[in-house]
Each structure stands twice: as structure tokens, then as C-alpha cells.
PDB file of N, CA and C in Angstrom:
ATOM      1  N   MET A   1     151.634  63.668 145.266  1.00  0.00           N
ATOM      2  CA  MET A   1     151.556  65.050 145.668  1.00  0.00           C
ATOM      3  C   MET A   1     152.779  65.778 145.120  1.00  0.00           C
ATOM      4  N   GLU A   2     152.549  66.765 144.289  1.00  0.00           N
ATOM      5  CA  GLU A   2     153.632  67.505 143.654  1.00  0.00           C
ATOM      6  C   GLU A   2     153.946  68.766 144.457  1.00  0.00           C
ATOM      7  N   ILE A   3     155.221  68.992 144.724  1.00  0.00           N
ATOM      8  CA  ILE A   3     155.693  70.139 145.498  1.00  0.00           C
ATOM      9  C   ILE A   3     156.434  71.095 144.567  1.00  0.00           C
ATOM     10  N   GLU A   4     156.155  72.383 144.741  1.00  0.00           N
ATOM     11  CA  GLU A   4     156.855  73.408 143.973  1.00  0.00           C
ATOM     12  C   GLU A   4     157.400  74.462 144.917  1.00  0.00           C
ATOM     13  N   ILE A   5     158.455  75.120 144.487  1.00  0.00           N
ATOM     14  CA  ILE A   5     158.980  76.268 145.223  1.00  0.00           C
ATOM     15  C   ILE A   5     158.257  77.493 144.679  1.00  0.00           C
ATOM     16  N   VAL A   6     157.683  78.256 145.573  1.00  0.00           N
ATOM     17  CA  VAL A   6     156.941  79.442 145.173  1.00  0.00           C
ATOM     18  C   VAL A   6     157.469  80.638 145.966  1.00  0.00           C
ATOM     19  N   LYS A   7     157.475  81.801 145.325  1.00  0.00           N
ATOM     20  CA  LYS A   7     158.036  83.010 145.926  1.00  0.00           C
ATOM     21  C   LYS A   7     156.921  84.009 146.220  1.00  0.00           C
ATOM     22  N   CYS A   8     156.927  84.554 147.433  1.00  0.00           N
ATOM     23  CA  CYS A   8     155.928  85.548 147.830  1.00  0.00           C
ATOM     24  C   CYS A   8     156.092  86.796 146.960  1.00  0.00           C
ATOM     25  N   GLU A   9     154.989  87.267 146.428  1.00  0.00           N
ATOM     26  CA  GLU A   9     155.044  88.435 145.550  1.00  0.00           C
ATOM     27  C   GLU A   9     155.164  89.743 146.319  1.00  0.00           C
ATOM     28  N   CYS A  10     155.051  89.674 147.642  1.00  0.00           N
ATOM     29  CA  CYS A  10     155.245  90.867 148.465  1.00  0.00           C
ATOM     30  C   CYS A  10     156.672  90.961 148.983  1.00  0.00           C
ATOM     31  N   CYS A  11     157.079  89.957 149.750  1.00  0.00           N
ATOM     32  CA  CYS A  11     158.365  90.046 150.446  1.00  0.00           C
ATOM     33  C   CYS A  11     159.473  89.209 149.819  1.00  0.00           C
ATOM     34  N   GLY A  12     159.131  88.291 148.911  1.00  0.00           N
ATOM     35  CA  GLY A  12     160.145  87.498 148.239  1.00  0.00           C
ATOM     36  C   GLY A  12     160.537  86.205 148.936  1.00  0.00           C
ATOM     37  N   LEU A  13     159.911  85.889 150.069  1.00  0.00           N
ATOM     38  CA  LEU A  13     160.204  84.652 150.780  1.00  0.00           C
ATOM     39  C   LEU A  13     159.816  83.459 149.916  1.00  0.00           C
ATOM     40  N   LYS A  14     160.682  82.440 149.882  1.00  0.00           N
ATOM     41  CA  LYS A  14     160.402  81.245 149.086  1.00  0.00           C
ATOM     42  C   LYS A  14     159.972  80.113 150.011  1.00  0.00           C
ATOM     43  N   GLU A  15     158.971  79.347 149.568  1.00  0.00           N
ATOM     44  CA  GLU A  15     158.474  78.221 150.337  1.00  0.00           C
ATOM     45  C   GLU A  15     158.208  77.046 149.417  1.00  0.00           C
ATOM     46  N   ASP A  16     158.279  75.836 149.973  1.00  0.00           N
ATOM     47  CA  ASP A  16     157.904  74.621 149.254  1.00  0.00           C
ATOM     48  C   ASP A  16     156.444  74.331 149.581  1.00  0.00           C
ATOM     49  N   CYS A  17     155.598  74.279 148.559  1.00  0.00           N
ATOM     50  CA  CYS A  17     154.162  74.086 148.780  1.00  0.00           C
ATOM     51  C   CYS A  17     153.582  73.148 147.728  1.00  0.00           C
ATOM     52  N   THR A  18     152.438  72.559 148.056  1.00  0.00           N
ATOM     53  CA  THR A  18     151.734  71.739 147.076  1.00  0.00           C
ATOM     54  C   THR A  18     151.024  72.651 146.088  1.00  0.00           C
ATOM     55  N   LEU A  19     150.756  72.128 144.901  1.00  0.00           N
ATOM     56  CA  LEU A  19     150.047  72.912 143.886  1.00  0.00           C
ATOM     57  C   LEU A  19     148.652  73.305 144.377  1.00  0.00           C
ATOM     58  N   GLU A  20     148.016  72.406 145.106  1.00  0.00           N
ATOM     59  CA  GLU A  20     146.675  72.695 145.635  1.00  0.00           C
ATOM     60  C   GLU A  20     146.716  73.901 146.575  1.00  0.00           C
ATOM     61  N   TYR A  21     147.715  73.933 147.457  1.00  0.00           N
ATOM     62  CA  TYR A  21     147.857  75.048 148.389  1.00  0.00           C
ATOM     63  C   TYR A  21     148.174  76.349 147.647  1.00  0.00           C
ATOM     64  N   ILE A  22     149.083  76.275 146.697  1.00  0.00           N
ATOM     65  CA  ILE A  22     149.452  77.458 145.910  1.00  0.00           C
ATOM     66  C   ILE A  22     148.232  78.038 145.213  1.00  0.00           C
ATOM     67  N   ASN A  23     147.448  77.181 144.572  1.00  0.00           N
ATOM     68  CA  ASN A  23     146.247  77.652 143.865  1.00  0.00           C
ATOM     69  C   ASN A  23     145.223  78.236 144.820  1.00  0.00           C
ATOM     70  N   GLY A  24     145.097  77.654 146.020  1.00  0.00           N
ATOM     71  CA  GLY A  24     144.163  78.188 147.013  1.00  0.00           C
ATOM     72  C   GLY A  24     144.552  79.572 147.483  1.00  0.00           C
ATOM     73  N   VAL A  25     145.857  79.775 147.722  1.00  0.00           N
ATOM     74  CA  VAL A  25     146.328  81.096 148.148  1.00  0.00           C
ATOM     75  C   VAL A  25     146.117  82.109 147.034  1.00  0.00           C
ATOM     76  N   ARG A  26     146.444  81.735 145.827  1.00  0.00           N
ATOM     77  CA  ARG A  26     146.262  82.660 144.698  1.00  0.00           C
ATOM     78  C   ARG A  26     144.797  83.030 144.510  1.00  0.00           C
ATOM     79  N   ALA A  27     143.905  82.099 144.756  1.00  0.00           N
ATOM     80  CA  ALA A  27     142.472  82.385 144.637  1.00  0.00           C
ATOM     81  C   ALA A  27     142.020  83.412 145.683  1.00  0.00           C
ATOM     82  N   ASN A  28     142.668  83.402 146.832  1.00  0.00           N
ATOM     83  CA  ASN A  28     142.300  84.343 147.894  1.00  0.00           C
ATOM     84  C   ASN A  28     142.879  85.735 147.720  1.00  0.00           C
ATOM     85  N   PHE A  29     143.964  85.844 146.954  1.00  0.00           N
ATOM     86  CA  PHE A  29     144.687  87.114 146.871  1.00  0.00           C
ATOM     87  C   PHE A  29     144.860  87.610 145.437  1.00  0.00           C
ATOM     88  N   GLU A  30     143.762  87.636 144.716  1.00  0.00           N
ATOM     89  CA  GLU A  30     143.748  88.243 143.379  1.00  0.00           C
ATOM     90  C   GLU A  30     144.796  87.650 142.442  1.00  0.00           C
ATOM     91  N   GLY A  31     145.037  86.348 142.542  1.00  0.00           N
ATOM     92  CA  GLY A  31     145.970  85.677 141.650  1.00  0.00           C
ATOM     93  C   GLY A  31     147.429  85.762 142.071  1.00  0.00           C
ATOM     94  N   LYS A  32     147.694  86.430 143.179  1.00  0.00           N
ATOM     95  CA  LYS A  32     149.067  86.566 143.665  1.00  0.00           C
ATOM     96  C   LYS A  32     149.303  85.550 144.773  1.00  0.00           C
ATOM     97  N   TRP A  33     150.537  85.017 144.838  1.00  0.00           N
ATOM     98  CA  TRP A  33     150.866  84.099 145.920  1.00  0.00           C
ATOM     99  C   TRP A  33     151.588  84.875 147.008  1.00  0.00           C
ATOM    100  N   LEU A  34     151.072  84.791 148.236  1.00  0.00           N
ATOM    101  CA  LEU A  34     151.664  85.463 149.386  1.00  0.00           C
ATOM    102  C   LEU A  34     152.057  84.435 150.428  1.00  0.00           C
ATOM    103  N   CYS A  35     153.177  84.680 151.092  1.00  0.00           N
ATOM    104  CA  CYS A  35     153.591  83.793 152.184  1.00  0.00           C
ATOM    105  C   CYS A  35     152.607  83.949 153.340  1.00  0.00           C
ATOM    106  N   GLY A  36     152.747  83.111 154.334  1.00  0.00           N
ATOM    107  CA  GLY A  36     151.834  83.144 155.470  1.00  0.00           C
ATOM    108  C   GLY A  36     151.841  84.465 156.212  1.00  0.00           C
ATOM    109  N   LEU A  37     153.016  85.045 156.417  1.00  0.00           N
ATOM    110  CA  LEU A  37     153.118  86.307 157.141  1.00  0.00           C
ATOM    111  C   LEU A  37     152.447  87.443 156.383  1.00  0.00           C
ATOM    112  N   CYS A  38     152.716  87.533 155.091  1.00  0.00           N
ATOM    113  CA  CYS A  38     152.114  88.593 154.279  1.00  0.00           C
ATOM    114  C   CYS A  38     150.610  88.395 154.125  1.00  0.00           C
ATOM    115  N   SER A  39     150.174  87.147 153.958  1.00  0.00           N
ATOM    116  CA  SER A  39     148.742  86.902 153.798  1.00  0.00           C
ATOM    117  C   SER A  39     147.985  87.294 155.059  1.00  0.00           C
ATOM    118  N   GLU A  40     148.559  87.027 156.231  1.00  0.00           N
ATOM    119  CA  GLU A  40     147.909  87.436 157.478  1.00  0.00           C
ATOM    120  C   GLU A  40     147.870  88.949 157.614  1.00  0.00           C
ATOM    121  N   ALA A  41     148.936  89.619 157.204  1.00  0.00           N
ATOM    122  CA  ALA A  41     148.971  91.079 157.267  1.00  0.00           C
ATOM    123  C   ALA A  41     147.900  91.684 156.353  1.00  0.00           C
ATOM    124  N   VAL A  42     147.750  91.119 155.165  1.00  0.00           N
ATOM    125  CA  VAL A  42     146.745  91.615 154.218  1.00  0.00           C
ATOM    126  C   VAL A  42     145.339  91.351 154.749  1.00  0.00           C
ATOM    127  N   ARG A  43     145.092  90.137 155.243  1.00  0.00           N
ATOM    128  CA  ARG A  43     143.766  89.821 155.802  1.00  0.00           C
ATOM    129  C   ARG A  43     143.428  90.741 156.962  1.00  0.00           C
ATOM    130  N   ASP A  44     144.393  90.992 157.819  1.00  0.00           N
ATOM    131  CA  ASP A  44     144.170  91.877 158.957  1.00  0.00           C
ATOM    132  C   ASP A  44     143.819  93.274 158.486  1.00  0.00           C
ATOM    133  N   GLU A  45     144.508  93.756 157.477  1.00  0.00           N
ATOM    134  CA  GLU A  45     144.255  95.089 156.955  1.00  0.00           C
ATOM    135  C   GLU A  45     142.850  95.193 156.370  1.00  0.00           C
ATOM    136  N   VAL A  46     142.416  94.152 155.680  1.00  0.00           N
ATOM    137  CA  VAL A  46     141.067  94.151 155.099  1.00  0.00           C
ATOM    138  C   VAL A  46     140.020  94.116 156.211  1.00  0.00           C
ATOM    139  N   MET A  47     140.256  93.288 157.232  1.00  0.00           N
ATOM    140  CA  MET A  47     139.275  93.123 158.308  1.00  0.00           C
ATOM    141  C   MET A  47     139.123  94.373 159.169  1.00  0.00           C
ATOM    142  N   ARG A  48     140.230  94.972 159.553  1.00  0.00           N
ATOM    143  CA  ARG A  48     140.129  96.119 160.456  1.00  0.00           C
ATOM    144  C   ARG A  48     140.155  97.443 159.718  1.00  0.00           C
ATOM    145  N   GLY A  49     140.765  97.448 158.562  1.00  0.00           N
ATOM    146  CA  GLY A  49     140.889  98.689 157.807  1.00  0.00           C
ATOM    147  C   GLY A  49     141.849  99.646 158.485  1.00  0.00           C
ATOM    148  N   ASN A  50     142.346 100.558 157.750  1.00  0.00           N
ATOM    149  CA  ASN A  50     143.246 101.571 158.258  1.00  0.00           C
ATOM    150  C   ASN A  50     142.431 102.849 158.395  1.00  0.00           C
ATOM    151  N   LYS A  51     142.506 103.539 159.520  1.00  0.00           N
ATOM    152  CA  LYS A  51     141.694 104.736 159.740  1.00  0.00           C
ATOM    153  C   LYS A  51     141.955 105.805 158.684  1.00  0.00           C
ATOM    154  N   LYS A  52     143.213 105.941 158.284  1.00  0.00           N
ATOM    155  CA  LYS A  52     143.545 106.962 157.287  1.00  0.00           C
ATOM    156  C   LYS A  52     143.155 106.516 155.885  1.00  0.00           C
ATOM    157  N   LYS A  53     143.228 105.200 155.635  1.00  0.00           N
ATOM    158  CA  LYS A  53     143.011 104.699 154.283  1.00  0.00           C
ATOM    159  C   LYS A  53     142.355 103.323 154.348  1.00  0.00           C
ATOM    160  N   PRO A  54     141.042 103.278 154.560  1.00  0.00           N
ATOM    161  CA  PRO A  54     140.387 101.968 154.636  1.00  0.00           C
ATOM    162  C   PRO A  54     140.380 101.270 153.272  1.00  0.00           C
ATOM    163  N   TYR A  55     140.668  99.977 153.279  1.00  0.00           N
ATOM    164  CA  TYR A  55     140.706  99.212 152.046  1.00  0.00           C
ATOM    165  C   TYR A  55     139.387  98.489 151.882  1.00  0.00           C
ATOM    166  N   GLY A  56     138.688  98.779 150.805  1.00  0.00           N
ATOM    167  CA  GLY A  56     137.406  98.157 150.553  1.00  0.00           C
ATOM    168  C   GLY A  56     137.519  96.809 149.883  1.00  0.00           C
ATOM    169  N   SER A  57     138.676  96.521 149.313  1.00  0.00           N
ATOM    170  CA  SER A  57     138.806  95.257 148.599  1.00  0.00           C
ATOM    171  C   SER A  57     140.142  94.593 148.913  1.00  0.00           C
ATOM    172  N   MET A  58     140.165  93.307 148.663  1.00  0.00           N
ATOM    173  CA  MET A  58     141.387  92.537 148.849  1.00  0.00           C
ATOM    174  C   MET A  58     142.476  93.052 147.916  1.00  0.00           C
ATOM    175  N   GLU A  59     142.096  93.396 146.695  1.00  0.00           N
ATOM    176  CA  GLU A  59     143.082  93.874 145.715  1.00  0.00           C
ATOM    177  C   GLU A  59     143.812  95.121 146.216  1.00  0.00           C
ATOM    178  N   GLU A  60     143.065  96.066 146.790  1.00  0.00           N
ATOM    179  CA  GLU A  60     143.690  97.280 147.309  1.00  0.00           C
ATOM    180  C   GLU A  60     144.621  96.982 148.481  1.00  0.00           C
ATOM    181  N   ALA A  61     144.203  96.070 149.355  1.00  0.00           N
ATOM    182  CA  ALA A  61     145.034  95.709 150.504  1.00  0.00           C
ATOM    183  C   ALA A  61     146.311  95.004 150.054  1.00  0.00           C
ATOM    184  N   VAL A  62     146.213  94.137 149.052  1.00  0.00           N
ATOM    185  CA  VAL A  62     147.397  93.443 148.527  1.00  0.00           C
ATOM    186  C   VAL A  62     148.367  94.463 147.930  1.00  0.00           C
ATOM    187  N   LYS A  63     147.857  95.388 147.138  1.00  0.00           N
ATOM    188  CA  LYS A  63     148.727  96.409 146.537  1.00  0.00           C
ATOM    189  C   LYS A  63     149.421  97.254 147.606  1.00  0.00           C
ATOM    190  N   ALA A  64     148.663  97.623 148.644  1.00  0.00           N
ATOM    191  CA  ALA A  64     149.250  98.433 149.719  1.00  0.00           C
ATOM    192  C   ALA A  64     150.338  97.658 150.456  1.00  0.00           C
ATOM    193  N   HIS A  65     150.100  96.374 150.711  1.00  0.00           N
ATOM    194  CA  HIS A  65     151.104  95.579 151.422  1.00  0.00           C
ATOM    195  C   HIS A  65     152.334  95.345 150.545  1.00  0.00           C
ATOM    196  N   MET A  66     152.139  95.149 149.255  1.00  0.00           N
ATOM    197  CA  MET A  66     153.277  94.996 148.342  1.00  0.00           C
ATOM    198  C   MET A  66     154.125  96.267 148.348  1.00  0.00           C
ATOM    199  N   SER A  67     153.468  97.410 148.388  1.00  0.00           N
ATOM    200  CA  SER A  67     154.184  98.685 148.445  1.00  0.00           C
ATOM    201  C   SER A  67     154.964  98.802 149.752  1.00  0.00           C
ATOM    202  N   PHE A  68     154.339  98.400 150.852  1.00  0.00           N
ATOM    203  CA  PHE A  68     154.989  98.423 152.160  1.00  0.00           C
ATOM    204  C   PHE A  68     156.244  97.552 152.152  1.00  0.00           C
ATOM    205  N   CYS A  69     156.126  96.335 151.647  1.00  0.00           N
ATOM    206  CA  CYS A  69     157.279  95.421 151.602  1.00  0.00           C
ATOM    207  C   CYS A  69     158.376  95.944 150.683  1.00  0.00           C
ATOM    208  N   GLY A  70     157.984  96.627 149.616  1.00  0.00           N
ATOM    209  CA  GLY A  70     158.955  97.173 148.673  1.00  0.00           C
ATOM    210  C   GLY A  70     159.814  98.280 149.257  1.00  0.00           C
ATOM    211  N   LYS A  71     159.344  98.917 150.331  1.00  0.00           N
ATOM    212  CA  LYS A  71     160.094 100.005 150.959  1.00  0.00           C
ATOM    213  C   LYS A  71     161.276  99.509 151.784  1.00  0.00           C
ATOM    214  N   PHE A  72     161.285  98.219 152.127  1.00  0.00           N
ATOM    215  CA  PHE A  72     162.352  97.662 152.948  1.00  0.00           C
ATOM    216  C   PHE A  72     163.384  96.987 152.066  1.00  0.00           C
ATOM    217  N   GLY A  73     164.661  97.179 152.414  1.00  0.00           N
ATOM    218  CA  GLY A  73     165.733  96.544 151.663  1.00  0.00           C
ATOM    219  C   GLY A  73     165.826  95.053 151.925  1.00  0.00           C
ATOM    220  N   SER A  74     165.411  94.641 153.114  1.00  0.00           N
ATOM    221  CA  SER A  74     165.463  93.220 153.442  1.00  0.00           C
ATOM    222  C   SER A  74     164.053  92.691 153.668  1.00  0.00           C
ATOM    223  N   ASN A  75     163.946  91.403 153.653  1.00  0.00           N
ATOM    224  CA  ASN A  75     162.674  90.720 153.752  1.00  0.00           C
ATOM    225  C   ASN A  75     162.201  90.679 155.203  1.00  0.00           C
ATOM    226  N   PRO A  76     161.023  91.252 155.537  1.00  0.00           N
ATOM    227  CA  PRO A  76     160.562  91.231 156.922  1.00  0.00           C
ATOM    228  C   PRO A  76     160.301  89.818 157.435  1.00  0.00           C
ATOM    229  N   ALA A  77     159.875  88.918 156.579  1.00  0.00           N
ATOM    230  CA  ALA A  77     159.619  87.537 157.004  1.00  0.00           C
ATOM    231  C   ALA A  77     160.915  86.851 157.415  1.00  0.00           C
ATOM    232  N   VAL A  78     161.992  87.140 156.723  1.00  0.00           N
ATOM    233  CA  VAL A  78     163.286  86.546 157.055  1.00  0.00           C
ATOM    234  C   VAL A  78     163.774  87.080 158.396  1.00  0.00           C
ATOM    235  N   ARG A  79     163.534  88.356 158.671  1.00  0.00           N
ATOM    236  CA  ARG A  79     163.947  88.916 159.959  1.00  0.00           C
ATOM    237  C   ARG A  79     163.196  88.247 161.103  1.00  0.00           C
ATOM    238  N   VAL A  80     161.910  87.984 160.914  1.00  0.00           N
ATOM    239  CA  VAL A  80     161.131  87.287 161.944  1.00  0.00           C
ATOM    240  C   VAL A  80     161.673  85.875 162.139  1.00  0.00           C
ATOM    241  N   ALA A  81     161.933  85.184 161.047  1.00  0.00           N
ATOM    242  CA  ALA A  81     162.468  83.816 161.132  1.00  0.00           C
ATOM    243  C   ALA A  81     163.835  83.795 161.810  1.00  0.00           C
ATOM    244  N   ASP A  82     164.693  84.761 161.508  1.00  0.00           N
ATOM    245  CA  ASP A  82     166.007  84.834 162.149  1.00  0.00           C
ATOM    246  C   ASP A  82     165.881  85.050 163.658  1.00  0.00           C
ATOM    247  N   ALA A  83     164.968  85.913 164.058  1.00  0.00           N
ATOM    248  CA  ALA A  83     164.765  86.173 165.482  1.00  0.00           C
ATOM    249  C   ALA A  83     164.270  84.917 166.190  1.00  0.00           C
ATOM    250  N   MET A  84     163.361  84.178 165.554  1.00  0.00           N
ATOM    251  CA  MET A  84     162.864  82.931 166.138  1.00  0.00           C
ATOM    252  C   MET A  84     163.998  81.909 166.263  1.00  0.00           C
ATOM    253  N   ARG A  85     164.838  81.807 165.245  1.00  0.00           N
ATOM    254  CA  ARG A  85     165.955  80.869 165.272  1.00  0.00           C
ATOM    255  C   ARG A  85     166.916  81.199 166.409  1.00  0.00           C
ATOM    256  N   GLN A  86     167.229  82.476 166.582  1.00  0.00           N
ATOM    257  CA  GLN A  86     168.129  82.885 167.659  1.00  0.00           C
ATOM    258  C   GLN A  86     167.526  82.571 169.023  1.00  0.00           C
ATOM    259  N   MET A  87     166.225  82.803 169.169  1.00  0.00           N
ATOM    260  CA  MET A  87     165.558  82.516 170.428  1.00  0.00           C
ATOM    261  C   MET A  87     165.637  81.026 170.742  1.00  0.00           C
ATOM    262  N   LEU A  88     165.391  80.183 169.762  1.00  0.00           N
ATOM    263  CA  LEU A  88     165.445  78.741 169.977  1.00  0.00           C
ATOM    264  C   LEU A  88     166.861  78.272 170.286  1.00  0.00           C
ATOM    265  N   ARG A  89     167.843  78.860 169.644  1.00  0.00           N
ATOM    266  CA  ARG A  89     169.234  78.493 169.932  1.00  0.00           C
ATOM    267  C   ARG A  89     169.606  78.857 171.358  1.00  0.00           C
ATOM    268  N   ARG A  90     169.170  80.020 171.814  1.00  0.00           N
ATOM    269  CA  ARG A  90     169.468  80.424 173.188  1.00  0.00           C
ATOM    270  C   ARG A  90     168.833  79.459 174.177  1.00  0.00           C
ATOM    271  N   ARG A  91     167.607  79.067 173.887  1.00  0.00           N
ATOM    272  CA  ARG A  91     166.914  78.132 174.777  1.00  0.00           C
ATOM    273  C   ARG A  91     167.587  76.772 174.799  1.00  0.00           C
ATOM    274  N   SER A  92     168.131  76.348 173.672  1.00  0.00           N
ATOM    275  CA  SER A  92     168.756  75.030 173.623  1.00  0.00           C
ATOM    276  C   SER A  92     170.201  75.058 174.134  1.00  0.00           C
ATOM    277  N   GLY A  93     170.725  76.246 174.372  1.00  0.00           N
ATOM    278  CA  GLY A  93     172.077  76.364 174.898  1.00  0.00           C
ATOM    279  C   GLY A  93     173.143  76.508 173.830  1.00  0.00           C
ATOM    280  N   ASP A  94     172.743  76.593 172.547  1.00  0.00           N
ATOM    281  CA  ASP A  94     173.728  76.731 171.473  1.00  0.00           C
ATOM    282  C   ASP A  94     174.389  78.105 171.471  1.00  0.00           C
ATOM    283  N   LEU A  95     173.642  79.131 171.863  1.00  0.00           N
ATOM    284  CA  LEU A  95     174.193  80.482 171.917  1.00  0.00           C
ATOM    285  C   LEU A  95     174.189  80.951 173.360  1.00  0.00           C
ATOM    286  N   PRO A  96     175.179  81.710 173.758  1.00  0.00           N
ATOM    287  CA  PRO A  96     175.150  82.237 175.119  1.00  0.00           C
ATOM    288  C   PRO A  96     174.041  83.262 175.253  1.00  0.00           C
ATOM    289  N   SER A  97     173.402  83.252 176.372  1.00  0.00           N
ATOM    290  CA  SER A  97     172.368  84.235 176.642  1.00  0.00           C
ATOM    291  C   SER A  97     173.036  85.552 176.991  1.00  0.00           C
ATOM    292  N   HIS A  98     172.555  86.623 176.431  1.00  0.00           N
ATOM    293  CA  HIS A  98     173.141  87.937 176.693  1.00  0.00           C
ATOM    294  C   HIS A  98     172.331  88.702 177.713  1.00  0.00           C
ATOM    295  N   GLN A  99     171.600  87.991 178.533  1.00  0.00           N
ATOM    296  CA  GLN A  99     170.809  88.646 179.561  1.00  0.00           C
ATOM    297  C   GLN A  99     171.719  89.036 180.720  1.00  0.00           C
ATOM    298  N   PRO A 100     171.608  90.269 181.174  1.00  0.00           N
ATOM    299  CA  PRO A 100     172.416  90.683 182.315  1.00  0.00           C
ATOM    300  C   PRO A 100     171.930  89.982 183.579  1.00  0.00           C
ATOM    301  N   SER A 101     172.817  89.811 184.511  1.00  0.00           N
ATOM    302  CA  SER A 101     172.419  89.150 185.755  1.00  0.00           C
ATOM    303  C   SER A 101     171.528  90.063 186.575  1.00  0.00           C
ATOM    304  N   SER A 102     170.756  89.464 187.462  1.00  0.00           N
ATOM    305  CA  SER A 102     169.840  90.250 188.285  1.00  0.00           C
ATOM    306  C   SER A 102     170.602  91.167 189.240  1.00  0.00           C
ATOM    307  N   LYS A 103     171.852  90.816 189.573  1.00  0.00           N
ATOM    308  CA  LYS A 103     172.644  91.671 190.455  1.00  0.00           C
ATOM    309  C   LYS A 103     172.927  93.010 189.793  1.00  0.00           C
ATOM    310  N   LYS A 104     173.215  92.968 188.484  1.00  0.00           N
ATOM    311  CA  LYS A 104     173.503  94.206 187.759  1.00  0.00           C
ATOM    312  C   LYS A 104     172.251  95.066 187.619  1.00  0.00           C
ATOM    313  N   LEU A 105     171.081  94.434 187.462  1.00  0.00           N
ATOM    314  CA  LEU A 105     169.846  95.173 187.255  1.00  0.00           C
ATOM    315  C   LEU A 105     169.246  95.683 188.561  1.00  0.00           C
ATOM    316  N   GLY A 106     169.514  95.010 189.633  1.00  0.00           N
ATOM    317  CA  GLY A 106     168.893  95.377 190.889  1.00  0.00           C
ATOM    318  C   GLY A 106     167.528  94.732 191.014  1.00  0.00           C
ATOM    319  N   ARG A 107     166.946  94.839 192.164  1.00  0.00           N
ATOM    320  CA  ARG A 107     165.672  94.171 192.417  1.00  0.00           C
ATOM    321  C   ARG A 107     164.503  94.838 191.718  1.00  0.00           C
ATOM    322  N   SER A 108     164.612  96.087 191.362  1.00  0.00           N
ATOM    323  CA  SER A 108     163.483  96.798 190.762  1.00  0.00           C
ATOM    324  C   SER A 108     163.395  96.610 189.253  1.00  0.00           C
ATOM    325  N   ALA A 109     164.239  95.776 188.666  1.00  0.00           N
ATOM    326  CA  ALA A 109     164.236  95.552 187.215  1.00  0.00           C
ATOM    327  C   ALA A 109     162.934  94.890 186.793  1.00  0.00           C
ATOM    328  N   THR A 110     162.413  95.310 185.687  1.00  0.00           N
ATOM    329  CA  THR A 110     161.183  94.709 185.169  1.00  0.00           C
ATOM    330  C   THR A 110     161.526  93.516 184.305  1.00  0.00           C
ATOM    331  N   ILE A 111     160.522  92.720 184.022  1.00  0.00           N
ATOM    332  CA  ILE A 111     160.719  91.550 183.170  1.00  0.00           C
ATOM    333  C   ILE A 111     161.223  91.971 181.802  1.00  0.00           C
ATOM    334  N   SER A 112     160.677  93.033 181.243  1.00  0.00           N
ATOM    335  CA  SER A 112     161.099  93.457 179.910  1.00  0.00           C
ATOM    336  C   SER A 112     162.571  93.853 179.888  1.00  0.00           C
ATOM    337  N   GLN A 113     163.078  94.414 180.962  1.00  0.00           N
ATOM    338  CA  GLN A 113     164.484  94.772 181.014  1.00  0.00           C
ATOM    339  C   GLN A 113     165.350  93.527 181.050  1.00  0.00           C
ATOM    340  N   ARG A 114     164.900  92.488 181.729  1.00  0.00           N
ATOM    341  CA  ARG A 114     165.660  91.258 181.786  1.00  0.00           C
ATOM    342  C   ARG A 114     165.685  90.550 180.446  1.00  0.00           C
ATOM    343  N   CYS A 115     164.602  90.669 179.685  1.00  0.00           N
ATOM    344  CA  CYS A 115     164.501  89.972 178.404  1.00  0.00           C
ATOM    345  C   CYS A 115     165.293  90.654 177.316  1.00  0.00           C
ATOM    346  N   ILE A 116     165.589  91.920 177.475  1.00  0.00           N
ATOM    347  CA  ILE A 116     166.346  92.636 176.462  1.00  0.00           C
ATOM    348  C   ILE A 116     167.755  92.183 176.560  1.00  0.00           C
TER     349      ILE A 116
END
């Protein structure tokens, strides 16, 4: 089984994948390789369509998502991965939790306020 490093053509995220997987993804997305996050975003856009601009084809949805990713200076997939890493570190005790105590919030605090 041969492994290659492949770069998402939307967000630039690099992944190690088998050639079979790479070819399968490219077959689904007009010859472009997309990471898992971008491929799900494109599939979702094709399935539900956008009310202002419905995409009739996969090619149009891929182009629109590539344009969306190009507007950001940083990679959205990396930001998601960083947030997940921080969450796991907090759970494992590697990072201090920055949650305020319930005494500071009072009894009427909502769950979302505690999680922030």
C-alpha cells in the first residue's frame, strides 16, 4: 500500500492518503483533491443548495467553496483541528480550564455561559 502526501486544493490542508483514496476523491470532485472537511462542505452545498445561488453541479459547488476558502488568510480546517486539540488537552488536564466557577456566575448561569 503506497502512501502519498496530498494537499487540499481548497484550504491547503495536507494529509497522508493511499493512492486509491486520492483517486476516489478526485473522481468525486472534478479531478480536484479535497480534504474531508472541504469535501463535506461541498457535498452539503450540492445537496441543499444555497437559496441565493443554487449549485446545479459539483463543479460549480467546488469552485464556490474554493473561492470561499481563498477569502481567509488561514486554513479553516487547521482552526477546527486546533480547537479540537485544545479541548482534548483541557479534558486530559494538560491545560488549565478557563471556565469561571459557578460562584462567580451565580445559579442562573446557563450551560453555554459555563462552557465559554
